Amino acid sequence: MTVKLFVCTTCRAGETLQDGELPPGARLHAALVAGDVPEGVSVTPVECLSACGNGSAIALSASGRWTYVYGRLDTDHVPDILAGAAAYAASADGIVPWRERPQIFRKQSIARIPPLER
């Protein structure tokens, strides 16, 4: 089963951008793709996660699992995001025990959405 790690590439994270400058969300996406992406995880760009007040934002989702949305992330968080994605992929239902989650996943959660099917 493939886990989707959605990354909002339009997130500006409150920054005013100069002409041609990549938004922080696009920079985060590029850094994640360049990182050591766990097996079974697909890094997928999306244009908006509607978490603008909490940008840069990501979401972890898979069929039959809880979906999580996280915000206030940047390229410094890439190792923790990928570790969290690996833990999510290894879980049966998307719920990673609290103590096993990276710190940013404990503190920067925006939403937890139940699975559509079980």
Protein backbone atom coordinates (compact mmCIF):
# COMPACT_ATOMS: atom_id res chain seq x y z
CA MET A 1 0.00 0.00 0.00
CA THR A 2 1.31 3.43 -0.90
CA VAL A 3 1.27 6.20 1.66
CA LYS A 4 0.84 9.66 0.19
CA LEU A 5 2.85 12.49 1.70
CA PHE A 6 1.09 15.53 0.26
CA VAL A 7 3.06 18.78 0.31
CA CYS A 8 1.41 22.15 -0.27
CA THR A 9 3.68 23.73 -2.86
CA THR A 10 1.86 27.08 -2.79
CA CYS A 11 2.32 27.66 0.96
CA ARG A 12 3.97 31.02 1.52
CA ALA A 13 4.27 30.55 5.30
CA GLY A 14 3.58 34.26 5.77
CA GLU A 15 6.51 35.31 3.58
CA THR A 16 6.42 38.04 0.96
CA LEU A 17 8.06 36.57 -2.11
CA GLN A 18 10.19 38.34 -4.66
CA ASP A 19 9.54 37.74 -8.38
CA GLY A 20 10.64 34.24 -9.31
CA GLU A 21 11.24 33.17 -5.70
CA LEU A 22 9.91 29.73 -4.81
CA PRO A 23 7.34 29.63 -2.01
CA PRO A 24 8.48 27.87 1.19
CA GLY A 25 6.09 25.01 0.41
CA ALA A 26 7.75 24.39 -2.95
CA ARG A 27 11.17 24.49 -1.29
CA LEU A 28 9.95 21.97 1.30
CA HIS A 29 8.64 19.69 -1.44
CA ALA A 30 11.97 19.82 -3.31
CA ALA A 31 13.90 19.04 -0.11
CA LEU A 32 11.64 16.09 0.70
CA VAL A 33 11.95 14.62 -2.80
CA ALA A 34 15.75 15.00 -2.56
CA GLY A 35 15.75 13.27 0.84
CA ASP A 36 15.76 9.60 1.77
CA VAL A 37 12.06 8.95 1.11
CA PRO A 38 10.94 5.77 2.90
CA GLU A 39 9.84 2.77 0.87
CA GLY A 40 6.10 2.78 0.32
CA VAL A 41 5.85 6.58 0.62
CA SER A 42 5.08 8.79 -2.34
CA VAL A 43 5.83 12.53 -2.02
CA THR A 44 3.04 14.28 -3.91
CA PRO A 45 2.83 18.02 -4.60
CA VAL A 46 -0.57 19.70 -4.20
CA GLU A 47 -1.51 23.30 -4.87
CA CYS A 48 -3.29 23.97 -1.59
CA LEU A 49 -4.11 22.20 1.66
CA SER A 50 -6.13 25.20 2.96
CA ALA A 51 -3.84 25.51 5.96
CA CYS A 52 -2.58 28.94 4.96
CA GLY A 53 -2.36 30.24 8.53
CA ASN A 54 -0.19 27.23 9.37
CA GLY A 55 2.07 26.97 6.29
CA SER A 56 4.11 25.22 5.17
CA ALA A 57 1.77 22.27 5.45
CA ILE A 58 1.84 18.55 4.67
CA ALA A 59 -0.65 15.70 4.96
CA LEU A 60 -0.11 11.96 5.39
CA SER A 61 -2.82 9.71 3.99
CA ALA A 62 -3.46 6.13 2.86
CA SER A 63 -6.52 4.06 2.13
CA GLY A 64 -8.15 2.75 5.29
CA ARG A 65 -5.96 4.88 7.57
CA TRP A 66 -6.36 8.07 9.52
CA THR A 67 -5.12 11.16 7.67
CA TYR A 68 -2.96 13.72 9.48
CA VAL A 69 -2.29 17.35 8.51
CA TYR A 70 0.79 19.11 9.94
CA GLY A 71 1.90 22.71 9.63
CA ARG A 72 4.56 25.29 10.46
CA LEU A 73 7.17 23.14 8.71
CA ASP A 74 10.30 24.08 6.79
CA THR A 75 13.27 22.43 5.14
CA ASP A 76 15.00 21.99 8.52
CA HIS A 77 12.24 19.51 9.40
CA VAL A 78 12.84 17.18 6.43
CA PRO A 79 14.55 14.36 8.42
CA ASP A 80 11.74 14.37 11.02
CA ILE A 81 9.01 14.52 8.36
CA LEU A 82 10.52 11.52 6.57
CA ALA A 83 10.93 9.61 9.86
CA GLY A 84 7.30 10.37 10.70
CA ALA A 85 6.20 9.23 7.23
CA ALA A 86 8.09 5.96 7.72
CA ALA A 87 6.39 5.38 11.08
CA TYR A 88 3.01 6.19 9.53
CA ALA A 89 3.68 3.75 6.66
CA ALA A 90 4.61 1.02 9.15
CA SER A 91 1.39 1.46 11.14
CA ALA A 92 -1.72 -0.58 10.40
CA ASP A 93 -4.20 2.27 10.76
CA GLY A 94 -2.11 5.45 10.48
CA ILE A 95 -2.00 5.95 14.23
CA VAL A 96 1.60 6.10 15.41
CA PRO A 97 1.98 5.86 19.21
CA TRP A 98 2.55 9.33 20.71
CA ARG A 99 6.06 8.65 22.03
CA GLU A 100 7.16 7.22 18.66
CA ARG A 101 6.19 10.35 16.71
CA PRO A 102 8.79 12.97 15.83
CA GLN A 103 8.46 16.04 18.05
CA ILE A 104 7.10 18.15 15.18
CA PHE A 105 4.29 15.63 14.65
CA ARG A 106 3.37 15.88 18.34
CA LYS A 107 3.38 19.68 18.45
CA GLN A 108 2.41 20.81 14.95
CA SER A 109 -0.64 18.74 14.13
CA ILE A 110 -3.47 20.70 12.52
CA ALA A 111 -6.02 17.93 11.95
CA ARG A 112 -6.65 14.21 12.22
CA ILE A 113 -9.26 12.88 9.80
CA PRO A 114 -10.84 9.42 10.10
CA PRO A 115 -10.51 6.92 7.28
CA LEU A 116 -13.30 6.79 4.71
CA GLU A 117 -13.33 3.01 4.73
CA ARG A 118 -12.02 0.32 7.03
